[in-house]
């Protein structure tokens, strides 16, 4: 609709789109990942994959720990 504007909301996280700061902040985050990820990891551009072979239930714990660290 012409002349209609959305209401403002407070953003609790994120990086402004189209900023020069966004790519720099992404590099700060992804460049540190290999230092504290325990499991196998591959990175390409903004895509990161983690994996581990799970043969028994306890094998999943290190992978879950890495996923939890990523979320934090």
Protein backbone atom coordinates (compact mmCIF):
# COMPACT_ATOMS: atom_id res chain seq x y z
CA UNK A 1 0.00 0.00 0.00
CA UNK A 2 1.28 3.44 -0.83
CA UNK A 3 1.79 5.75 2.12
CA UNK A 4 1.66 2.96 4.74
CA UNK A 5 4.54 2.46 7.13
CA UNK A 6 5.15 -0.37 9.61
CA UNK A 7 5.53 0.46 13.26
CA UNK A 8 9.02 0.55 14.76
CA UNK A 9 10.08 -2.24 17.09
CA UNK A 10 13.21 -2.65 19.19
CA UNK A 11 15.57 -5.26 17.73
CA UNK A 12 17.17 -7.37 20.45
CA UNK A 13 19.86 -8.81 18.18
CA UNK A 14 21.13 -8.81 14.63
CA UNK A 15 23.11 -6.59 12.31
CA UNK A 16 21.58 -3.86 10.17
CA UNK A 17 21.19 -5.07 6.61
CA UNK A 18 23.22 -3.30 3.98
CA UNK A 19 25.72 -1.96 6.48
CA UNK A 20 29.46 -2.03 6.05
CA UNK A 21 29.69 -3.40 9.57
CA UNK A 22 27.71 -6.61 8.86
CA UNK A 23 30.37 -8.48 6.87
CA UNK A 24 33.05 -7.47 9.36
CA UNK A 25 31.05 -8.77 12.32
CA UNK A 26 30.39 -12.03 10.46
CA UNK A 27 34.14 -12.48 9.93
CA UNK A 28 34.83 -11.90 13.63
CA UNK A 29 32.33 -14.63 14.49
CA UNK A 30 33.23 -17.29 11.92
CA UNK A 31 37.01 -16.87 12.11
CA UNK A 32 36.99 -17.96 15.77
CA UNK A 33 34.84 -21.08 15.23
CA UNK A 34 37.68 -23.53 14.42
CA UNK A 35 39.39 -22.67 17.72
CA UNK A 36 36.58 -23.94 19.96
CA UNK A 37 34.57 -26.44 17.87
CA UNK A 38 35.43 -30.02 18.96
CA UNK A 39 33.82 -32.03 16.14
CA UNK A 40 34.53 -32.15 12.42
CA UNK A 41 33.68 -28.89 10.72
CA UNK A 42 33.71 -27.42 7.22
CA UNK A 43 33.13 -23.79 6.33
CA UNK A 44 32.39 -22.08 3.04
CA UNK A 45 31.34 -18.43 2.83
CA UNK A 46 28.54 -18.05 5.38
CA UNK A 47 27.77 -21.78 5.60
CA UNK A 48 29.14 -23.96 8.41
CA UNK A 49 28.58 -27.70 8.81
CA UNK A 50 29.34 -29.79 11.90
CA UNK A 51 29.24 -33.57 12.03
CA UNK A 52 30.30 -36.60 14.01
CA UNK A 53 29.75 -40.33 13.57
CA UNK A 54 27.34 -41.49 16.27
CA UNK A 55 27.67 -45.17 17.18
CA UNK A 56 26.27 -44.97 20.69
CA UNK A 57 24.16 -42.47 22.58
CA UNK A 58 27.11 -40.82 24.35
CA UNK A 59 28.71 -39.95 20.98
CA UNK A 60 26.05 -37.28 20.48
CA UNK A 61 27.05 -35.26 23.55
CA UNK A 62 30.10 -33.47 22.03
CA UNK A 63 28.07 -32.53 18.96
CA UNK A 64 25.24 -31.18 21.11
CA UNK A 65 27.78 -29.23 23.18
CA UNK A 66 29.17 -27.59 20.02
CA UNK A 67 25.65 -26.76 18.80
CA UNK A 68 24.81 -25.23 22.18
CA UNK A 69 27.98 -23.09 22.03
CA UNK A 70 27.01 -21.88 18.55
CA UNK A 71 23.56 -20.90 19.77
CA UNK A 72 24.99 -19.02 22.76
